[in-house]
Amino acid sequence: MGIREPHDGVDSKSRTEFVNMEQGLRNYLVVTGGYWAFTITDGAIRMLVVLYFHLLGYSPFEVAMLFLFYEFFGVITNLVGGWLGARIGLNLTMHIGMGMQVVALMALTVPDAWLSVVYVMAAQALSGIAKDLNKMSAKASVKIMVTEDSGSQLFKWVAILTGSKNALKGGGFFIGAALLEWIGFRAALGVLAGMLLLVLLVTAILLPSGVGKMKSKPKFTQVFSRIPAINWLSAARFFLFGSRDVWFVVGLPVFLYSVLEWSFTQVGTFMALWVIGYGVVQASAPRLLQRGHHGRGPGGGTARLWTFILALLPAAIALSLQQGWPADTVIIIGLVLFGMVFAVNSAIHSYLILAYSDRDKVAMSVGFYYMANAGGRLVGTILSGWVYQTQGLEGCLWWSSAFVLAAALLSFGLPEVVDNKQD
């Protein structure tokens, strides 16, 4: 009694840690796979709606309005979703999101006569709720699944998840545009819905229950963060993502199709390649920033630096277009540079929200943060249609630059990361 039997030279504590690491990695891969599948449908449905309804004669502002509820309900979903995930488990909120996306896809397969602005906005609202439930669940799960204390390890895992997601969203843009041209609007939606339903069933079987569920039932008032760093980061995130969507959501694809006279497939392929490249850069951010050997991730100073760099790029693209330089060359080169720097910014932010969050409250912190993200997307989407219709693509780019500058100024409130805060 009191003598512990050896087992291949490894004590029971080490074996437990190894099993926990192995289980955490397995769950991480399942969550990532489900997130990938959902992201493909999310990118595809966006491209399908933009191109198909532009083809039906909708103005740029009307196309933007189709996404109004998508983004608006994303704000509400992130606010409520983090609280809900803490009460019922992140795996369940992720699967609820997948199921809602299947319903949203099938809702758009009705005849054209049914596809009024109000009807499509309602279907997009369902898709927006689904997307943000899925995203919040997947990203918050990473904090719980990472078993190592190292900030660099957390940065690496979240960068891979987010970067690969964006690469797959780019694939979704291409798939949506290509399916629209090959098999038509309704058949494309049916294919996407069937694929996602299959993934939902597989991940529901493989994932354990109760991931991210708090031991005590949190009150709804707890969703509002009392950590200053999270509030500053959320405010910066609002303007960062508004700066992208103010020209990317409606202005850019409509400009490529109607002004440069690209085909649907060309538009979808170009935007797909951009988002894929954006995702690759985002996943590579830990190596690009060369911080891994310090054992910690980036902090507030890094976020400020990269945001100020980003603010220069939309202004440079707008000036080049106003000078009469070849629009296709300016757009391609400018968008590549913007995407690379934006990807690094996004990776830094995605790490910081987890690093600033307490482990047992991570679902609510991430939900609050992505509420601000969705708010920025909502404002950016509305402005994308209105500004493009009244001021052209150059106007969209000037608004983008102003939004990034606002994010950079708000980043002065971001502190450096304290390693023991991660637990």
Protein backbone atom coordinates (compact mmCIF):
# COMPACT_ATOMS: atom_id res chain seq x y z
CA MET A 1 0.00 0.00 0.00
CA GLY A 2 1.37 3.43 -0.88
CA ILE A 3 3.65 1.96 -3.59
CA ARG A 4 2.72 3.02 -7.15
CA GLU A 5 3.33 0.48 -9.86
CA PRO A 6 5.23 1.91 -12.86
CA HIS A 7 3.65 1.66 -16.27
CA ASP A 8 6.21 1.86 -19.07
CA GLY A 9 8.11 4.51 -17.12
CA VAL A 10 5.21 6.99 -17.17
CA ASP A 11 3.38 7.96 -13.94
CA SER A 12 -0.41 8.26 -13.78
CA LYS A 13 -0.35 12.07 -13.88
CA SER A 14 1.62 12.08 -17.14
CA ARG A 15 -0.66 9.44 -18.63
CA THR A 16 -3.70 11.54 -17.71
CA GLU A 17 -2.16 14.63 -19.30
CA PHE A 18 -1.39 12.66 -22.46
CA VAL A 19 -4.95 11.30 -22.67
CA ASN A 20 -6.33 14.81 -22.13
CA MET A 21 -4.08 16.20 -24.89
CA GLU A 22 -5.10 13.41 -27.26
CA GLN A 23 -8.80 13.92 -26.49
CA GLY A 24 -8.45 17.69 -26.83
CA LEU A 25 -6.78 17.31 -30.23
CA ARG A 26 -9.46 14.89 -31.43
CA ASN A 27 -12.27 17.25 -30.37
CA TYR A 28 -10.43 20.19 -31.93
CA LEU A 29 -10.24 18.35 -35.26
CA VAL A 30 -13.95 17.44 -35.16
CA VAL A 31 -14.95 21.03 -34.36
CA THR A 32 -12.65 22.32 -37.10
CA GLY A 33 -14.12 19.89 -39.64
CA GLY A 34 -17.66 20.93 -38.79
CA TYR A 35 -16.68 24.58 -38.94
CA TRP A 36 -15.10 24.02 -42.36
CA ALA A 37 -18.25 22.43 -43.78
CA PHE A 38 -20.46 25.19 -42.43
CA THR A 39 -18.11 27.86 -43.77
CA ILE A 40 -18.29 26.47 -47.32
CA THR A 41 -22.08 26.83 -47.27
CA ASP A 42 -21.83 30.31 -45.75
CA GLY A 43 -19.48 31.56 -48.47
CA ALA A 44 -21.49 29.87 -51.21
CA ILE A 45 -24.87 31.24 -50.14
CA ARG A 46 -23.46 34.77 -49.95
CA MET A 47 -22.11 34.60 -53.49
CA LEU A 48 -25.30 32.96 -54.76
CA VAL A 49 -27.50 35.70 -53.28
CA VAL A 50 -25.33 38.62 -54.45
CA LEU A 51 -24.99 37.40 -58.03
CA TYR A 52 -28.45 35.88 -58.52
CA PHE A 53 -30.36 38.87 -57.18
CA HIS A 54 -28.19 41.30 -59.11
CA LEU A 55 -29.12 39.24 -62.17
CA LEU A 56 -32.80 39.59 -61.25
CA GLY A 57 -32.41 43.38 -61.46
CA TYR A 58 -31.90 44.36 -57.83
CA SER A 59 -29.89 47.58 -57.29
CA PRO A 60 -26.65 47.45 -55.24
CA PHE A 61 -28.43 49.00 -52.25
CA GLU A 62 -31.30 46.47 -52.50
CA VAL A 63 -28.78 43.61 -52.63
CA ALA A 64 -27.12 45.04 -49.51
CA MET A 65 -30.51 45.17 -47.78
CA LEU A 66 -30.92 41.43 -48.34
CA PHE A 67 -28.08 40.96 -45.85
CA LEU A 68 -29.44 43.48 -43.33
CA PHE A 69 -31.13 40.87 -41.11
CA TYR A 70 -28.23 38.45 -41.67
CA GLU A 71 -25.89 40.89 -39.96
CA PHE A 72 -28.42 42.37 -37.52
CA PHE A 73 -29.38 39.00 -36.08
CA GLY A 74 -25.68 38.13 -35.94
CA VAL A 75 -25.32 40.93 -33.38
CA ILE A 76 -28.14 39.51 -31.25
CA THR A 77 -26.99 35.92 -31.71
CA ASN A 78 -23.50 36.61 -30.46
CA LEU A 79 -24.85 38.45 -27.44
CA VAL A 80 -27.27 35.65 -26.54
CA GLY A 81 -25.23 32.77 -28.01
CA GLY A 82 -22.29 33.08 -25.63
CA TRP A 83 -24.67 33.02 -22.67
CA LEU A 84 -26.58 30.08 -24.17
CA GLY A 85 -23.35 28.15 -24.88
CA ALA A 86 -22.25 28.61 -21.26
CA ARG A 87 -25.60 27.14 -20.11
CA ILE A 88 -26.16 24.23 -22.51
CA GLY A 89 -22.70 23.54 -24.00
CA LEU A 90 -20.87 24.78 -27.08
CA ASN A 91 -21.30 21.52 -28.98
CA LEU A 92 -25.09 21.90 -28.81
CA THR A 93 -25.08 25.53 -29.95
CA MET A 94 -22.83 24.55 -32.85
CA HIS A 95 -25.27 21.86 -34.01
CA ILE A 96 -28.28 24.15 -33.59
CA GLY A 97 -26.48 26.55 -35.93
CA MET A 98 -25.89 23.83 -38.52
CA GLY A 99 -29.55 22.78 -38.44
CA MET A 100 -30.73 26.35 -38.91
CA GLN A 101 -28.41 26.79 -41.89
CA VAL A 102 -29.93 23.73 -43.59
CA VAL A 103 -33.40 25.26 -43.13
CA ALA A 104 -32.18 28.64 -44.44
CA LEU A 105 -30.71 27.06 -47.57
CA MET A 106 -33.87 25.14 -48.35
CA ALA A 107 -36.03 28.23 -47.72
CA LEU A 108 -34.47 29.93 -50.76
CA THR A 109 -35.35 27.09 -53.15
CA VAL A 110 -38.92 28.40 -53.61
CA PRO A 111 -40.03 29.88 -56.99
CA ASP A 112 -38.82 33.36 -57.97
CA ALA A 113 -42.29 34.81 -57.38
CA TRP A 114 -41.87 34.07 -53.66
CA LEU A 115 -38.44 35.67 -53.43
CA SER A 116 -39.52 39.10 -52.26
CA VAL A 117 -37.07 41.32 -50.40
CA VAL A 118 -38.80 40.61 -47.08
CA TYR A 119 -38.80 36.84 -47.64
CA VAL A 120 -35.11 36.72 -48.59
CA MET A 121 -34.21 38.98 -45.65
CA ALA A 122 -36.00 36.54 -43.33
CA ALA A 123 -34.14 33.56 -44.80
CA GLN A 124 -30.85 35.46 -44.48
CA ALA A 125 -31.71 36.29 -40.86
CA LEU A 126 -31.91 32.56 -40.15
CA SER A 127 -28.59 32.05 -41.92
CA GLY A 128 -27.01 34.88 -39.92
CA ILE A 129 -28.12 33.35 -36.63
CA ALA A 130 -26.79 29.97 -37.76
CA LYS A 131 -23.42 31.38 -38.83
CA ASP A 132 -22.74 33.23 -35.62
CA LEU A 133 -23.85 30.35 -33.39
CA ASN A 134 -21.46 28.09 -35.28
CA LYS A 135 -18.55 30.55 -35.27
CA MET A 136 -18.90 31.49 -31.61
CA SER A 137 -19.10 27.82 -30.60
CA ALA A 138 -16.09 26.73 -32.64
CA LYS A 139 -13.78 29.54 -31.56
CA ALA A 140 -14.71 29.47 -27.88
CA SER A 141 -14.12 25.69 -27.88
CA VAL A 142 -10.45 26.21 -28.74
CA LYS A 143 -9.73 27.89 -25.38
CA ILE A 144 -11.14 24.86 -23.57
CA MET A 145 -9.46 22.24 -25.76
CA VAL A 146 -5.94 23.70 -25.54
CA THR A 147 -4.29 21.87 -22.64
CA GLU A 148 -0.94 23.67 -22.75
CA ASP A 149 -0.48 26.95 -20.87
CA SER A 150 1.71 28.54 -23.55
CA GLY A 151 0.24 31.63 -25.19
CA SER A 152 2.06 30.79 -28.42
CA GLN A 153 0.30 27.41 -28.53
CA LEU A 154 -3.10 29.08 -28.14
CA PHE A 155 -2.17 31.62 -30.83
CA LYS A 156 -1.18 28.78 -33.17
CA TRP A 157 -4.37 26.77 -32.66
CA VAL A 158 -6.76 29.69 -33.07
CA ALA A 159 -4.81 30.98 -36.09
CA ILE A 160 -5.08 27.58 -37.80
CA LEU A 161 -8.82 27.33 -37.08
CA THR A 162 -9.58 30.87 -38.23
CA GLY A 163 -7.21 30.84 -41.20
CA SER A 164 -8.43 27.52 -42.52
CA LYS A 165 -12.01 28.69 -42.08
CA ASN A 166 -11.39 31.74 -44.21
CA ALA A 167 -9.63 29.67 -46.86
CA LEU A 168 -12.69 27.42 -47.01
CA LYS A 169 -14.99 30.45 -47.15
CA GLY A 170 -13.07 31.47 -50.26
CA GLY A 171 -13.73 28.00 -51.60
CA GLY A 172 -17.39 28.60 -50.81
CA PHE A 173 -17.39 31.77 -52.92
CA PHE A 174 -16.06 29.80 -55.88
CA ILE A 175 -18.42 26.87 -55.29
CA GLY A 176 -21.43 29.19 -55.06
CA ALA A 177 -20.59 31.07 -58.25
CA ALA A 178 -19.67 27.90 -60.15
CA LEU A 179 -22.80 26.01 -59.06
CA LEU A 180 -24.94 29.00 -60.06
CA GLU A 181 -23.49 28.83 -63.56
CA TRP A 182 -23.48 25.02 -63.83
CA ILE A 183 -26.70 23.78 -62.20
CA GLY A 184 -28.66 26.91 -61.31
CA PHE A 185 -29.69 28.66 -58.11
CA ARG A 186 -32.07 26.13 -56.55
CA ALA A 187 -30.11 22.97 -57.33
CA ALA A 188 -27.00 24.59 -55.83
CA LEU A 189 -28.86 25.32 -52.60
CA GLY A 190 -30.09 21.72 -52.41
CA VAL A 191 -26.58 20.31 -52.81
CA LEU A 192 -25.22 22.56 -50.08
CA ALA A 193 -28.06 21.73 -47.67
CA GLY A 194 -27.57 17.98 -48.14
CA MET A 195 -23.82 18.20 -47.50
CA LEU A 196 -24.24 20.21 -44.30
CA LEU A 197 -26.94 17.90 -42.95
CA LEU A 198 -24.57 14.94 -43.31
CA VAL A 199 -21.79 16.79 -41.47
CA LEU A 200 -24.20 17.73 -38.68
CA LEU A 201 -25.04 14.07 -38.08
CA VAL A 202 -21.37 12.99 -38.06
CA THR A 203 -20.16 15.69 -35.67
CA ALA A 204 -23.13 15.14 -33.35
CA ILE A 205 -22.00 11.52 -32.93
CA LEU A 206 -18.29 12.30 -32.45
CA LEU A 207 -18.33 15.31 -30.09
CA PRO A 208 -18.78 14.90 -26.32
CA SER A 209 -21.62 16.77 -24.67
CA GLY A 210 -21.25 19.78 -22.42
CA VAL A 211 -18.17 21.41 -23.99
CA GLY A 212 -17.79 24.90 -22.49
CA LYS A 213 -20.78 24.49 -20.16
CA MET A 214 -20.36 26.43 -16.92
CA LYS A 215 -20.92 24.63 -13.62
CA SER A 216 -23.15 27.44 -12.39
CA LYS A 217 -25.91 28.86 -14.57
CA PRO A 218 -24.74 32.35 -15.64
CA LYS A 219 -27.13 35.29 -15.53
CA PHE A 220 -27.88 37.07 -18.80
CA THR A 221 -26.42 40.33 -17.44
CA GLN A 222 -23.03 38.59 -17.28
CA VAL A 223 -22.73 38.62 -21.08
CA PHE A 224 -21.61 42.25 -20.97
CA SER A 225 -17.88 42.18 -20.36
CA ARG A 226 -16.43 43.96 -17.33
CA ILE A 227 -12.86 43.46 -18.52
CA PRO A 228 -11.59 46.74 -20.08
CA ALA A 229 -9.24 44.94 -22.50
CA ILE A 230 -12.15 42.96 -23.99
CA ASN A 231 -14.25 46.11 -24.37
CA TRP A 232 -11.45 47.99 -26.17
CA LEU A 233 -10.76 44.97 -28.39
CA SER A 234 -14.45 44.58 -29.23
CA ALA A 235 -14.71 48.25 -30.20
CA ALA A 236 -11.64 47.95 -32.44
CA ARG A 237 -13.08 44.77 -33.96
CA PHE A 238 -16.29 46.62 -34.85
CA PHE A 239 -14.43 49.09 -37.06
CA LEU A 240 -11.92 46.54 -38.38
CA PHE A 241 -14.57 44.31 -39.91
CA GLY A 242 -16.73 47.24 -40.96
CA SER A 243 -13.73 48.44 -42.97
CA ARG A 244 -13.61 45.20 -44.94
CA ASP A 245 -17.31 44.78 -45.61
CA VAL A 246 -17.89 48.41 -46.63
CA TRP A 247 -16.32 47.61 -49.99
CA PHE A 248 -16.06 43.83 -50.12
CA VAL A 249 -19.70 42.68 -49.64
CA VAL A 250 -21.57 44.49 -52.43
CA GLY A 251 -19.35 47.16 -54.00
CA LEU A 252 -16.50 44.91 -55.16
CA PRO A 253 -18.45 41.99 -56.73
CA VAL A 254 -20.91 44.35 -58.44
CA PHE A 255 -18.01 46.50 -59.73
CA LEU A 256 -16.22 43.44 -61.13
CA TYR A 257 -19.38 42.16 -62.83
CA SER A 258 -20.95 45.39 -64.11
CA VAL A 259 -17.96 47.70 -64.70
CA LEU A 260 -15.11 45.31 -65.54
CA GLU A 261 -17.63 42.91 -67.18
CA TRP A 262 -16.31 39.74 -65.54
CA SER A 263 -18.46 36.59 -65.66
CA PHE A 264 -20.04 35.06 -62.54
CA THR A 265 -17.35 32.38 -62.43
CA GLN A 266 -14.56 34.94 -62.83
CA VAL A 267 -15.96 37.05 -60.00
CA GLY A 268 -16.41 34.02 -57.76
CA THR A 269 -12.97 32.62 -58.59
CA PHE A 270 -11.20 35.91 -57.92
CA MET A 271 -12.93 36.49 -54.60
CA ALA A 272 -12.43 32.85 -53.68
CA LEU A 273 -8.69 33.04 -54.34
CA TRP A 274 -8.50 36.24 -52.30
CA VAL A 275 -10.25 34.71 -49.29
CA ILE A 276 -8.20 31.50 -49.58
CA GLY A 277 -4.96 33.52 -49.65
CA TYR A 278 -6.28 35.58 -46.74
CA GLY A 279 -6.89 32.38 -44.79
CA VAL A 280 -3.42 31.01 -45.55
CA VAL A 281 -1.80 34.21 -44.29
CA GLN A 282 -4.01 34.18 -41.21
CA ALA A 283 -3.06 30.58 -40.37
CA SER A 284 0.61 31.51 -40.87
CA ALA A 285 0.45 34.60 -38.68
CA PRO A 286 2.29 33.03 -35.69
CA ARG A 287 5.29 32.28 -37.94
CA LEU A 288 5.08 35.60 -39.77
CA LEU A 289 5.19 37.53 -36.50
CA GLN A 290 8.08 35.36 -35.25
CA ARG A 291 6.80 35.33 -31.70
CA GLY A 292 6.48 31.60 -31.06
CA HIS A 293 10.00 31.23 -29.63
CA HIS A 294 9.11 33.67 -26.83
CA GLY A 295 6.45 31.28 -25.56
CA ARG A 296 3.68 33.87 -25.85
CA GLY A 297 1.47 35.47 -28.44
CA PRO A 298 1.15 39.10 -29.60
CA GLY A 299 -0.15 41.93 -27.44
CA GLY A 300 -1.66 45.38 -27.76
CA GLY A 301 1.41 46.96 -29.32
CA THR A 302 1.44 44.46 -32.17
CA ALA A 303 -2.27 45.03 -32.78
CA ARG A 304 -1.76 48.81 -33.01
CA LEU A 305 1.15 48.54 -35.43
CA TRP A 306 -0.61 46.28 -37.92
CA THR A 307 -3.86 48.28 -37.79
CA PHE A 308 -2.08 51.53 -38.69
CA ILE A 309 -0.37 49.77 -41.60
CA LEU A 310 -3.76 48.50 -42.83
CA ALA A 311 -5.28 52.01 -42.76
CA LEU A 312 -2.95 53.11 -45.56
CA LEU A 313 -4.02 50.47 -48.09
CA PRO A 314 -7.67 51.33 -48.97
CA ALA A 315 -6.66 54.99 -49.31
CA ALA A 316 -3.83 54.01 -51.67
CA ILE A 317 -6.21 51.92 -53.83
CA ALA A 318 -8.75 54.78 -53.98
CA LEU A 319 -6.08 57.31 -54.98
CA SER A 320 -4.79 54.98 -57.70
CA LEU A 321 -8.30 54.57 -59.17
CA GLN A 322 -8.89 58.31 -59.05
CA GLN A 323 -5.61 58.87 -60.93
CA GLY A 324 -6.99 56.74 -63.77
CA TRP A 325 -4.66 53.79 -63.38
CA PRO A 326 -5.93 50.48 -64.91
CA ALA A 327 -8.77 49.43 -62.63
CA ASP A 328 -8.27 45.67 -62.93
CA THR A 329 -4.55 45.90 -62.07
CA VAL A 330 -5.14 48.29 -59.17
CA ILE A 331 -7.94 46.15 -57.72
CA ILE A 332 -6.02 42.88 -57.98
CA ILE A 333 -2.75 44.16 -56.49
CA GLY A 334 -4.48 46.36 -53.91
CA LEU A 335 -6.82 43.62 -52.76
CA VAL A 336 -3.94 41.15 -52.36
CA LEU A 337 -2.01 43.58 -50.16
CA PHE A 338 -5.12 44.52 -48.19
CA GLY A 339 -5.96 40.85 -47.65
CA MET A 340 -2.50 39.97 -46.35
CA VAL A 341 -2.37 42.79 -43.80
CA PHE A 342 -6.04 42.37 -42.82
CA ALA A 343 -5.41 38.65 -42.22
CA VAL A 344 -2.61 39.39 -39.76
CA ASN A 345 -4.81 41.91 -37.96
CA SER A 346 -7.67 39.43 -37.72
CA ALA A 347 -5.39 36.65 -36.42
CA ILE A 348 -4.02 38.94 -33.70
CA HIS A 349 -7.54 39.93 -32.63
CA SER A 350 -8.77 36.31 -32.64
CA TYR A 351 -5.90 35.36 -30.32
CA LEU A 352 -6.29 38.36 -28.01
CA ILE A 353 -9.95 37.72 -27.22
CA LEU A 354 -9.05 34.24 -25.97
CA ALA A 355 -5.92 35.44 -24.18
CA TYR A 356 -7.84 38.20 -22.37
CA SER A 357 -10.71 35.85 -21.40
CA ASP A 358 -11.03 33.71 -18.29
CA ARG A 359 -11.34 30.03 -19.17
CA ASP A 360 -14.65 29.48 -17.37
CA LYS A 361 -16.24 32.55 -18.99
CA VAL A 362 -14.77 32.21 -22.45
CA ALA A 363 -18.10 31.49 -24.21
CA MET A 364 -19.63 34.75 -22.98
CA SER A 365 -16.48 36.79 -23.67
CA VAL A 366 -16.24 35.45 -27.23
CA GLY A 367 -19.97 36.01 -27.73
CA PHE A 368 -19.68 39.65 -26.64
CA TYR A 369 -16.64 40.16 -28.88
CA TYR A 370 -18.31 38.66 -31.94
CA MET A 371 -21.40 40.75 -31.24
CA ALA A 372 -19.17 43.76 -31.94
CA ASN A 373 -17.75 41.94 -34.99
CA ALA A 374 -21.27 41.36 -36.33
CA GLY A 375 -22.21 44.98 -35.62
CA GLY A 376 -19.28 46.15 -37.73
CA ARG A 377 -20.28 43.80 -40.52
CA LEU A 378 -23.87 45.07 -40.33
CA VAL A 379 -22.84 48.72 -40.70
CA GLY A 380 -20.25 47.84 -43.35
CA THR A 381 -22.78 45.85 -45.38
CA ILE A 382 -25.38 48.64 -45.38
CA LEU A 383 -22.74 51.22 -46.30
CA SER A 384 -21.35 48.96 -49.02
CA GLY A 385 -24.58 49.16 -51.01
CA TRP A 386 -25.40 52.80 -50.27
CA VAL A 387 -21.88 54.21 -50.71
CA TYR A 388 -21.26 52.23 -53.91
CA GLN A 389 -24.54 53.45 -55.37
CA THR A 390 -23.84 57.11 -54.48
CA GLN A 391 -20.02 57.43 -54.45
CA GLY A 392 -18.73 54.44 -56.40
CA LEU A 393 -16.00 52.00 -55.40
CA GLU A 394 -13.60 54.84 -54.57
CA GLY A 395 -16.06 56.13 -51.99
CA CYS A 396 -16.29 52.66 -50.43
CA LEU A 397 -12.49 52.58 -50.14
CA TRP A 398 -12.28 55.99 -48.41
CA TRP A 399 -14.88 54.85 -45.89
CA SER A 400 -12.85 51.66 -45.39
CA SER A 401 -9.70 53.64 -44.62
CA ALA A 402 -11.55 55.82 -42.09
CA PHE A 403 -12.92 52.72 -40.33
CA VAL A 404 -9.46 51.15 -40.04
CA LEU A 405 -8.07 54.39 -38.62
CA ALA A 406 -10.79 54.32 -35.95
CA ALA A 407 -9.83 50.72 -35.09
CA ALA A 408 -6.17 51.76 -34.81
CA LEU A 409 -6.97 54.58 -32.39
CA LEU A 410 -9.14 52.30 -30.23
CA SER A 411 -6.25 49.80 -30.10
CA PHE A 412 -4.37 52.17 -27.78
CA GLY A 413 -6.57 50.74 -25.04
CA LEU A 414 -5.23 47.20 -25.57
CA PRO A 415 -2.73 45.96 -22.94
CA GLU A 416 -0.01 43.40 -23.36
CA VAL A 417 -0.98 39.81 -22.55
CA VAL A 418 -0.19 38.46 -19.09
CA ASP A 419 0.41 34.72 -19.42
CA ASN A 420 -1.31 33.68 -16.19
CA LYS A 421 -4.48 35.43 -17.36
CA GLN A 422 -5.06 32.72 -19.92
CA ASP A 423 -6.19 30.22 -17.34
